[in-house]
Amino acid sequence: MPVEKLISDLVYLGGDGIACLAYLYVGVHLYRLSRRTGQLPEFLIAACFLFWMLSYVFYDIPYAIVESDELVPAVCSYGSLIVLALGNVAFSLFIRTVFRRDARWATWLVAAIVISLVVGLAGTAWIGDWEGINPLANPWYWLDYFGSFAPPTWMAAEGLAQYLKARRRLKLGLCEPMACNRFLLWAIAGALWVILEGILTANDFVNALTGEWSLLLDFGVALFEVAPVTIIWFVFFPPAFYCRWVERRGKPAPAGPSTVD
């Protein structure tokens, strides 16, 4: 086995393994939180993370145990795509519940995401691209891509919009610093997931053109898998030191001494 391929496989599987454990750890804690609070958003994001974790299990375990020149078993690869799609559906429902619960257009957007994922998966199976990784030969790839790309883009946009509004209210003393910061974290996490989708797609193109994965892009995947999960942990379970830091930064500056002529 070429050394470059061995390193690439180790980076890819190592990064996925770390991301899998991160999704599992945060997902379980979010599920427990949803059981205590009875709140739907916590349940939906927990379901999202646990589905994404299962997608790694379906895909990477067979990949790790077979010889490097063998194909991943089709049933595991396609099972990974299905579970990943379920996670994206839960993700889109989470965003609608948190930001646009009563907006009709948000309901239609969620429906469009679900339809694109279902049709994309069906088309991918029809042409036999069981891993869903060939954007050049599989036109259904792009429907599945929309279903994966739209939710984090939506969350990044909503988080940024709400953060800008909350910042104005914070200056007037009408918003808590942690609430304002939470919107910023949503925006950052969504943006990082968007970048991750771009890296994954770029690597799919590299593989389709050369038959090999890019080691550099594998490093990017490993990095951008874990970072947004960590940010979500800070949203729901912020450490005490982080809360103190946000509160200090969010306090309005004391007014200087006034002078009277």
C-alpha atoms as a PDB file:
ATOM      1  CA  MET A   1       0.000   0.000   0.000  1.00  0.00           C
ATOM      2  CA  PRO A   2       1.432   3.456  -0.906  1.00  0.00           C
ATOM      3  CA  VAL A   3       2.417   5.483   2.137  1.00  0.00           C
ATOM      4  CA  GLU A   4       0.381   8.475   0.915  1.00  0.00           C
ATOM      5  CA  LYS A   5      -2.781   6.364   0.693  1.00  0.00           C
ATOM      6  CA  LEU A   6      -2.177   4.839   4.117  1.00  0.00           C
ATOM      7  CA  ILE A   7      -1.762   8.300   5.645  1.00  0.00           C
ATOM      8  CA  SER A   8      -4.864   9.550   3.826  1.00  0.00           C
ATOM      9  CA  ASP A   9      -6.932   6.609   5.094  1.00  0.00           C
ATOM     10  CA  LEU A  10      -5.693   7.095   8.648  1.00  0.00           C
ATOM     11  CA  VAL A  11      -6.456  10.815   8.561  1.00  0.00           C
ATOM     12  CA  TYR A  12      -9.907  10.221   7.109  1.00  0.00           C
ATOM     13  CA  LEU A  13     -10.867   7.435   9.490  1.00  0.00           C
ATOM     14  CA  GLY A  14      -9.256   9.155  12.473  1.00  0.00           C
ATOM     15  CA  GLY A  15     -11.097  12.390  11.780  1.00  0.00           C
ATOM     16  CA  ASP A  16     -14.368  10.565  11.275  1.00  0.00           C
ATOM     17  CA  GLY A  17     -13.801   8.566  14.456  1.00  0.00           C
ATOM     18  CA  ILE A  18     -13.287  11.738  16.502  1.00  0.00           C
ATOM     19  CA  ALA A  19     -16.346  13.351  14.910  1.00  0.00           C
ATOM     20  CA  CYS A  20     -18.396  10.207  15.548  1.00  0.00           C
ATOM     21  CA  LEU A  21     -17.507  10.241  19.243  1.00  0.00           C
ATOM     22  CA  ALA A  22     -18.218  13.973  19.453  1.00  0.00           C
ATOM     23  CA  TYR A  23     -21.663  13.571  17.868  1.00  0.00           C
ATOM     24  CA  LEU A  24     -22.401  10.646  20.168  1.00  0.00           C
ATOM     25  CA  TYR A  25     -21.280  12.444  23.333  1.00  0.00           C
ATOM     26  CA  VAL A  26     -23.096  15.711  22.619  1.00  0.00           C
ATOM     27  CA  GLY A  27     -26.138  13.943  21.168  1.00  0.00           C
ATOM     28  CA  VAL A  28     -26.631  11.779  24.263  1.00  0.00           C
ATOM     29  CA  HIS A  29     -26.317  14.785  26.575  1.00  0.00           C
ATOM     30  CA  LEU A  30     -28.779  16.769  24.459  1.00  0.00           C
ATOM     31  CA  TYR A  31     -31.229  13.866  24.515  1.00  0.00           C
ATOM     32  CA  ARG A  32     -30.993  13.726  28.313  1.00  0.00           C
ATOM     33  CA  LEU A  33     -31.545  17.477  28.417  1.00  0.00           C
ATOM     34  CA  SER A  34     -34.649  17.115  26.237  1.00  0.00           C
ATOM     35  CA  ARG A  35     -35.981  14.457  28.611  1.00  0.00           C
ATOM     36  CA  ARG A  36     -35.554  16.834  31.554  1.00  0.00           C
ATOM     37  CA  THR A  37     -36.948  19.951  29.889  1.00  0.00           C
ATOM     38  CA  GLY A  38     -39.510  18.384  27.554  1.00  0.00           C
ATOM     39  CA  GLN A  39     -38.398  20.828  24.849  1.00  0.00           C
ATOM     40  CA  LEU A  40     -38.588  19.892  21.160  1.00  0.00           C
ATOM     41  CA  PRO A  41     -35.467  21.782  19.917  1.00  0.00           C
ATOM     42  CA  GLU A  42     -33.151  19.822  22.200  1.00  0.00           C
ATOM     43  CA  PHE A  43     -34.716  16.550  21.057  1.00  0.00           C
ATOM     44  CA  LEU A  44     -34.397  17.437  17.355  1.00  0.00           C
ATOM     45  CA  ILE A  45     -30.745  18.473  17.513  1.00  0.00           C
ATOM     46  CA  ALA A  46     -29.991  15.377  19.616  1.00  0.00           C
ATOM     47  CA  ALA A  47     -31.680  13.206  16.970  1.00  0.00           C
ATOM     48  CA  CYS A  48     -29.696  15.006  14.275  1.00  0.00           C
ATOM     49  CA  PHE A  49     -26.361  14.333  15.970  1.00  0.00           C
ATOM     50  CA  LEU A  50     -27.180  10.711  16.749  1.00  0.00           C
ATOM     51  CA  PHE A  51     -28.290  10.053  13.149  1.00  0.00           C
ATOM     52  CA  TRP A  52     -25.068  11.630  11.880  1.00  0.00           C
ATOM     53  CA  MET A  53     -23.100   9.453  14.285  1.00  0.00           C
ATOM     54  CA  LEU A  54     -24.842   6.348  12.923  1.00  0.00           C
ATOM     55  CA  SER A  55     -23.985   7.389   9.378  1.00  0.00           C
ATOM     56  CA  TYR A  56     -20.300   7.145  10.308  1.00  0.00           C
ATOM     57  CA  VAL A  57     -20.865   3.739  11.874  1.00  0.00           C
ATOM     58  CA  PHE A  58     -22.548   2.429   8.716  1.00  0.00           C
ATOM     59  CA  TYR A  59     -19.885   3.820   6.409  1.00  0.00           C
ATOM     60  CA  ASP A  60     -16.563   3.737   8.223  1.00  0.00           C
ATOM     61  CA  ILE A  61     -16.590   0.423  10.078  1.00  0.00           C
ATOM     62  CA  PRO A  62     -16.898  -1.659   6.874  1.00  0.00           C
ATOM     63  CA  TYR A  63     -14.344   0.648   5.229  1.00  0.00           C
ATOM     64  CA  ALA A  64     -11.887   0.079   8.072  1.00  0.00           C
ATOM     65  CA  ILE A  65     -12.122  -3.701   8.154  1.00  0.00           C
ATOM     66  CA  VAL A  66     -11.959  -4.529   4.430  1.00  0.00           C
ATOM     67  CA  GLU A  67      -8.846  -4.438   2.309  1.00  0.00           C
ATOM     68  CA  SER A  68      -8.047  -0.989   0.981  1.00  0.00           C
ATOM     69  CA  ASP A  69      -8.645  -2.005  -2.652  1.00  0.00           C
ATOM     70  CA  GLU A  70     -12.134  -3.387  -1.943  1.00  0.00           C
ATOM     71  CA  LEU A  71     -15.393  -1.505  -2.265  1.00  0.00           C
ATOM     72  CA  VAL A  72     -17.377  -0.611   0.803  1.00  0.00           C
ATOM     73  CA  PRO A  73     -20.357  -2.992   0.976  1.00  0.00           C
ATOM     74  CA  ALA A  74     -23.210  -1.343  -0.887  1.00  0.00           C
ATOM     75  CA  VAL A  75     -25.780  -1.969   1.804  1.00  0.00           C
ATOM     76  CA  CYS A  76     -23.665  -0.191   4.431  1.00  0.00           C
ATOM     77  CA  SER A  77     -22.841   2.699   2.117  1.00  0.00           C
ATOM     78  CA  TYR A  78     -26.453   3.266   1.162  1.00  0.00           C
ATOM     79  CA  GLY A  79     -27.558   2.807   4.768  1.00  0.00           C
ATOM     80  CA  SER A  80     -25.114   5.559   5.691  1.00  0.00           C
ATOM     81  CA  LEU A  81     -26.718   7.888   3.137  1.00  0.00           C
ATOM     82  CA  ILE A  82     -30.214   7.156   4.466  1.00  0.00           C
ATOM     83  CA  VAL A  83     -29.271   7.790   8.094  1.00  0.00           C
ATOM     84  CA  LEU A  84     -27.379  10.936   7.102  1.00  0.00           C
ATOM     85  CA  ALA A  85     -30.498  12.184   5.306  1.00  0.00           C
ATOM     86  CA  LEU A  86     -32.605  11.535   8.407  1.00  0.00           C
ATOM     87  CA  GLY A  87     -30.143  13.649  10.382  1.00  0.00           C
ATOM     88  CA  ASN A  88     -30.468  16.488   7.880  1.00  0.00           C
ATOM     89  CA  VAL A  89     -34.266  16.322   8.115  1.00  0.00           C
ATOM     90  CA  ALA A  90     -34.042  16.569  11.913  1.00  0.00           C
ATOM     91  CA  PHE A  91     -31.585  19.461  11.492  1.00  0.00           C
ATOM     92  CA  SER A  92     -33.946  21.419   9.237  1.00  0.00           C
ATOM     93  CA  LEU A  93     -36.871  20.797  11.600  1.00  0.00           C
ATOM     94  CA  PHE A  94     -34.708  22.017  14.468  1.00  0.00           C
ATOM     95  CA  ILE A  95     -33.918  25.286  12.669  1.00  0.00           C
ATOM     96  CA  ARG A  96     -37.566  25.870  11.831  1.00  0.00           C
ATOM     97  CA  THR A  97     -38.603  25.173  15.432  1.00  0.00           C
ATOM     98  CA  VAL A  98     -35.990  27.512  16.913  1.00  0.00           C
ATOM     99  CA  PHE A  99     -36.144  30.420  14.470  1.00  0.00           C
ATOM    100  CA  ARG A 100     -39.276  30.276  12.291  1.00  0.00           C
ATOM    101  CA  ARG A 101     -41.891  28.182  14.047  1.00  0.00           C
ATOM    102  CA  ASP A 102     -44.857  30.120  12.601  1.00  0.00           C
ATOM    103  CA  ALA A 103     -43.438  31.060   9.191  1.00  0.00           C
ATOM    104  CA  ARG A 104     -45.161  29.339   6.279  1.00  0.00           C
ATOM    105  CA  TRP A 105     -42.140  29.742   4.000  1.00  0.00           C
ATOM    106  CA  ALA A 106     -40.017  27.855   6.556  1.00  0.00           C
ATOM    107  CA  THR A 107     -42.418  24.916   6.378  1.00  0.00           C
ATOM    108  CA  TRP A 108     -42.108  24.900   2.590  1.00  0.00           C
ATOM    109  CA  LEU A 109     -38.325  25.060   2.837  1.00  0.00           C
ATOM    110  CA  VAL A 110     -38.276  22.045   5.147  1.00  0.00           C
ATOM    111  CA  ALA A 111     -40.568  20.233   2.699  1.00  0.00           C
ATOM    112  CA  ALA A 112     -38.214  21.093  -0.187  1.00  0.00           C
ATOM    113  CA  ILE A 113     -35.258  19.737   1.784  1.00  0.00           C
ATOM    114  CA  VAL A 114     -37.100  16.495   2.563  1.00  0.00           C
ATOM    115  CA  ILE A 115     -38.225  16.033  -1.069  1.00  0.00           C
ATOM    116  CA  SER A 116     -34.741  16.710  -2.432  1.00  0.00           C
ATOM    117  CA  LEU A 117     -33.235  14.150  -0.050  1.00  0.00           C
ATOM    118  CA  VAL A 118     -35.823  11.466  -0.846  1.00  0.00           C
ATOM    119  CA  VAL A 119     -35.605  11.965  -4.613  1.00  0.00           C
ATOM    120  CA  GLY A 120     -31.829  12.257  -4.503  1.00  0.00           C
ATOM    121  CA  LEU A 121     -31.488   9.004  -2.559  1.00  0.00           C
ATOM    122  CA  ALA A 122     -33.864   7.203  -4.893  1.00  0.00           C
ATOM    123  CA  GLY A 123     -32.026   8.430  -7.981  1.00  0.00           C
ATOM    124  CA  THR A 124     -28.643   7.562  -6.494  1.00  0.00           C
ATOM    125  CA  ALA A 125     -29.825   4.007  -5.852  1.00  0.00           C
ATOM    126  CA  TRP A 126     -31.322   3.781  -9.334  1.00  0.00           C
ATOM    127  CA  ILE A 127     -27.985   4.453 -11.053  1.00  0.00           C
ATOM    128  CA  GLY A 128     -26.001   2.380  -8.520  1.00  0.00           C
ATOM    129  CA  ASP A 129     -23.862   5.115  -6.946  1.00  0.00           C
ATOM    130  CA  TRP A 130     -24.362   3.537  -3.521  1.00  0.00           C
ATOM    131  CA  GLU A 131     -21.907   5.823  -1.775  1.00  0.00           C
ATOM    132  CA  GLY A 132     -23.311   8.976  -3.367  1.00  0.00           C
ATOM    133  CA  ILE A 133     -19.844  10.378  -4.064  1.00  0.00           C
ATOM    134  CA  ASN A 134     -19.728  10.914  -7.837  1.00  0.00           C
ATOM    135  CA  PRO A 135     -20.911  14.426  -8.774  1.00  0.00           C
ATOM    136  CA  LEU A 136     -19.772  13.965 -12.374  1.00  0.00           C
ATOM    137  CA  ALA A 137     -21.667  10.779 -13.238  1.00  0.00           C
ATOM    138  CA  ASN A 138     -24.577  11.049 -10.813  1.00  0.00           C
ATOM    139  CA  PRO A 139     -27.004  13.938 -11.518  1.00  0.00           C
ATOM    140  CA  TRP A 140     -29.022  12.949  -8.431  1.00  0.00           C
ATOM    141  CA  TYR A 141     -26.001  13.849  -6.325  1.00  0.00           C
ATOM    142  CA  TRP A 142     -27.000  17.506  -6.484  1.00  0.00           C
ATOM    143  CA  LEU A 143     -30.447  16.957  -4.994  1.00  0.00           C
ATOM    144  CA  ASP A 144     -28.855  15.192  -2.056  1.00  0.00           C
ATOM    145  CA  TYR A 145     -26.295  18.003  -1.896  1.00  0.00           C
ATOM    146  CA  PHE A 146     -29.076  20.595  -1.605  1.00  0.00           C
ATOM    147  CA  GLY A 147     -30.618  18.638   1.256  1.00  0.00           C
ATOM    148  CA  SER A 148     -27.279  18.649   3.085  1.00  0.00           C
ATOM    149  CA  PHE A 149     -26.189  22.199   2.182  1.00  0.00           C
ATOM    150  CA  ALA A 150     -29.441  24.088   2.804  1.00  0.00           C
ATOM    151  CA  PRO A 151     -29.893  23.440   6.567  1.00  0.00           C
ATOM    152  CA  PRO A 152     -26.487  24.765   7.745  1.00  0.00           C
ATOM    153  CA  THR A 153     -26.759  27.723   5.348  1.00  0.00           C
ATOM    154  CA  TRP A 154     -30.174  28.491   6.780  1.00  0.00           C
ATOM    155  CA  MET A 155     -28.892  28.236  10.342  1.00  0.00           C
ATOM    156  CA  ALA A 156     -25.910  30.468   9.632  1.00  0.00           C
ATOM    157  CA  ALA A 157     -28.169  33.121   8.085  1.00  0.00           C
ATOM    158  CA  GLU A 158     -30.738  32.963  10.891  1.00  0.00           C
ATOM    159  CA  GLY A 159     -28.099  33.012  13.609  1.00  0.00           C
ATOM    160  CA  LEU A 160     -26.341  36.026  12.089  1.00  0.00           C
ATOM    161  CA  ALA A 161     -29.589  37.953  11.584  1.00  0.00           C
ATOM    162  CA  GLN A 162     -30.742  37.291  15.141  1.00  0.00           C
ATOM    163  CA  TYR A 163     -27.294  38.106  16.531  1.00  0.00           C
ATOM    164  CA  LEU A 164     -27.268  41.527  14.871  1.00  0.00           C
ATOM    165  CA  LYS A 165     -30.708  42.276  16.297  1.00  0.00           C
ATOM    166  CA  ALA A 166     -29.732  41.009  19.756  1.00  0.00           C
ATOM    167  CA  ARG A 167     -26.567  43.100  19.730  1.00  0.00           C
ATOM    168  CA  ARG A 168     -28.589  46.260  19.249  1.00  0.00           C
ATOM    169  CA  ARG A 169     -30.888  45.238  22.101  1.00  0.00           C
ATOM    170  CA  LEU A 170     -27.868  44.387  24.259  1.00  0.00           C
ATOM    171  CA  LYS A 171     -26.551  47.923  23.941  1.00  0.00           C
ATOM    172  CA  LEU A 172     -29.897  49.184  25.213  1.00  0.00           C
ATOM    173  CA  GLY A 173     -29.925  46.722  28.100  1.00  0.00           C
ATOM    174  CA  LEU A 174     -32.835  44.789  26.599  1.00  0.00           C
ATOM    175  CA  CYS A 175     -31.004  41.497  26.024  1.00  0.00           C
ATOM    176  CA  GLU A 176     -28.852  39.236  28.158  1.00  0.00           C
ATOM    177  CA  PRO A 177     -25.216  38.829  27.006  1.00  0.00           C
ATOM    178  CA  MET A 178     -25.488  35.021  26.916  1.00  0.00           C
ATOM    179  CA  ALA A 179     -28.628  35.152  24.756  1.00  0.00           C
ATOM    180  CA  CYS A 180     -26.868  37.449  22.298  1.00  0.00           C
ATOM    181  CA  ASN A 181     -23.776  35.263  22.270  1.00  0.00           C
ATOM    182  CA  ARG A 182     -25.859  32.145  21.669  1.00  0.00           C
ATOM    183  CA  PHE A 183     -27.096  33.558  18.337  1.00  0.00           C
ATOM    184  CA  LEU A 184     -23.493  34.261  17.333  1.00  0.00           C
ATOM    185  CA  LEU A 185     -22.532  30.678  18.122  1.00  0.00           C
ATOM    186  CA  TRP A 186     -25.424  29.405  15.973  1.00  0.00           C
ATOM    187  CA  ALA A 187     -24.147  31.524  13.085  1.00  0.00           C
ATOM    188  CA  ILE A 188     -20.554  30.318  13.469  1.00  0.00           C
ATOM    189  CA  ALA A 189     -21.567  26.650  13.732  1.00  0.00           C
ATOM    190  CA  GLY A 190     -23.756  26.944  10.635  1.00  0.00           C
ATOM    191  CA  ALA A 191     -20.961  28.644   8.681  1.00  0.00           C
ATOM    192  CA  LEU A 192     -18.502  25.909   9.656  1.00  0.00           C
ATOM    193  CA  TRP A 193     -20.936  23.211   8.500  1.00  0.00           C
ATOM    194  CA  VAL A 194     -21.326  25.070   5.186  1.00  0.00           C
ATOM    195  CA  ILE A 195     -17.548  25.051   4.760  1.00  0.00           C
ATOM    196  CA  LEU A 196     -17.521  21.345   5.628  1.00  0.00           C
ATOM    197  CA  GLU A 197     -20.067  20.630   2.891  1.00  0.00           C
ATOM    198  CA  GLY A 198     -17.898  22.546   0.438  1.00  0.00           C
ATOM    199  CA  ILE A 199     -14.805  20.544   1.428  1.00  0.00           C
ATOM    200  CA  LEU A 200     -16.666  17.234   1.140  1.00  0.00           C
ATOM    201  CA  THR A 201     -17.948  18.169  -2.313  1.00  0.00           C
ATOM    202  CA  ALA A 202     -14.509  19.299  -3.463  1.00  0.00           C
ATOM    203  CA  ASN A 203     -13.060  15.981  -2.300  1.00  0.00           C
ATOM    204  CA  ASP A 204     -15.798  14.117  -4.179  1.00  0.00           C
ATOM    205  CA  PHE A 205     -14.736  15.948  -7.346  1.00  0.00           C
ATOM    206  CA  VAL A 206     -11.075  15.119  -6.707  1.00  0.00           C
ATOM    207  CA  ASN A 207     -11.948  11.453  -6.242  1.00  0.00           C
ATOM    208  CA  ALA A 208     -14.173  11.394  -9.329  1.00  0.00           C
ATOM    209  CA  LEU A 209     -11.398  12.902 -11.468  1.00  0.00           C
ATOM    210  CA  THR A 210      -8.342  11.105 -10.067  1.00  0.00           C
ATOM    211  CA  GLY A 211      -9.685   8.029  -8.286  1.00  0.00           C
ATOM    212  CA  GLU A 212      -8.053   9.158  -5.029  1.00  0.00           C
ATOM    213  CA  TRP A 213      -9.021  11.343  -2.093  1.00  0.00           C
ATOM    214  CA  SER A 214      -7.091  14.527  -1.328  1.00  0.00           C
ATOM    215  CA  LEU A 215      -5.042  14.257   1.866  1.00  0.00           C
ATOM    216  CA  LEU A 216      -5.277  18.026   2.381  1.00  0.00           C
ATOM    217  CA  LEU A 217      -9.060  17.964   2.056  1.00  0.00           C
ATOM    218  CA  ASP A 218      -9.220  14.967   4.407  1.00  0.00           C
ATOM    219  CA  PHE A 219      -7.458  17.108   7.005  1.00  0.00           C
ATOM    220  CA  GLY A 220     -10.047  19.834   6.359  1.00  0.00           C
ATOM    221  CA  VAL A 221     -12.908  17.378   6.865  1.00  0.00           C
ATOM    222  CA  ALA A 222     -11.435  16.182  10.171  1.00  0.00           C
ATOM    223  CA  LEU A 223     -11.116  19.771  11.416  1.00  0.00           C
ATOM    224  CA  PHE A 224     -14.508  21.063  10.316  1.00  0.00           C
ATOM    225  CA  GLU A 225     -16.374  17.997  11.574  1.00  0.00           C
ATOM    226  CA  VAL A 226     -15.467  18.540  15.219  1.00  0.00           C
ATOM    227  CA  ALA A 227     -15.435  22.349  15.515  1.00  0.00           C
ATOM    228  CA  PRO A 228     -19.192  23.001  15.032  1.00  0.00           C
ATOM    229  CA  VAL A 229     -20.131  20.159  17.387  1.00  0.00           C
ATOM    230  CA  THR A 230     -17.977  21.800  20.058  1.00  0.00           C
ATOM    231  CA  ILE A 231     -19.732  25.108  19.439  1.00  0.00           C
ATOM    232  CA  ILE A 232     -23.147  23.489  19.881  1.00  0.00           C
ATOM    233  CA  TRP A 233     -21.924  22.131  23.220  1.00  0.00           C
ATOM    234  CA  PHE A 234     -21.139  25.717  24.267  1.00  0.00           C
ATOM    235  CA  VAL A 235     -24.654  26.763  23.202  1.00  0.00           C
ATOM    236  CA  PHE A 236     -26.442  24.235  25.403  1.00  0.00           C
ATOM    237  CA  PHE A 237     -23.839  23.514  28.095  1.00  0.00           C
ATOM    238  CA  PRO A 238     -21.651  26.627  28.391  1.00  0.00           C
ATOM    239  CA  PRO A 239     -18.819  26.214  30.928  1.00  0.00           C
ATOM    240  CA  ALA A 240     -18.760  28.597  33.867  1.00  0.00           C
ATOM    241  CA  PHE A 241     -15.587  30.342  32.696  1.00  0.00           C
ATOM    242  CA  TYR A 242     -17.171  30.981  29.302  1.00  0.00           C
ATOM    243  CA  CYS A 243     -20.341  32.417  30.883  1.00  0.00           C
ATOM    244  CA  ARG A 244     -18.240  34.764  33.016  1.00  0.00           C
ATOM    245  CA  TRP A 245     -16.248  35.882  29.985  1.00  0.00           C
ATOM    246  CA  VAL A 246     -19.392  36.582  27.934  1.00  0.00           C
ATOM    247  CA  GLU A 247     -21.026  38.445  30.817  1.00  0.00           C
ATOM    248  CA  ARG A 248     -17.960  40.652  31.283  1.00  0.00           C
ATOM    249  CA  ARG A 249     -17.746  41.476  27.597  1.00  0.00           C
ATOM    250  CA  GLY A 250     -21.478  42.104  27.377  1.00  0.00           C
ATOM    251  CA  LYS A 251     -21.678  44.665  30.156  1.00  0.00           C
ATOM    252  CA  PRO A 252     -22.045  48.229  28.896  1.00  0.00           C
ATOM    253  CA  ALA A 253     -19.017  50.400  29.506  1.00  0.00           C
ATOM    254  CA  PRO A 254     -19.430  52.646  32.547  1.00  0.00           C
ATOM    255  CA  ALA A 255     -20.174  56.231  31.728  1.00  0.00           C
ATOM    256  CA  GLY A 256     -17.342  58.645  32.331  1.00  0.00           C
ATOM    257  CA  PRO A 257     -17.561  61.447  34.891  1.00  0.00           C
ATOM    258  CA  SER A 258     -19.630  64.357  33.721  1.00  0.00           C
ATOM    259  CA  THR A 259     -18.544  67.925  34.169  1.00  0.00           C
ATOM    260  CA  VAL A 260     -20.766  70.853  34.871  1.00  0.00           C
ATOM    261  CA  ASP A 261     -19.689  74.311  33.839  1.00  0.00           C
END
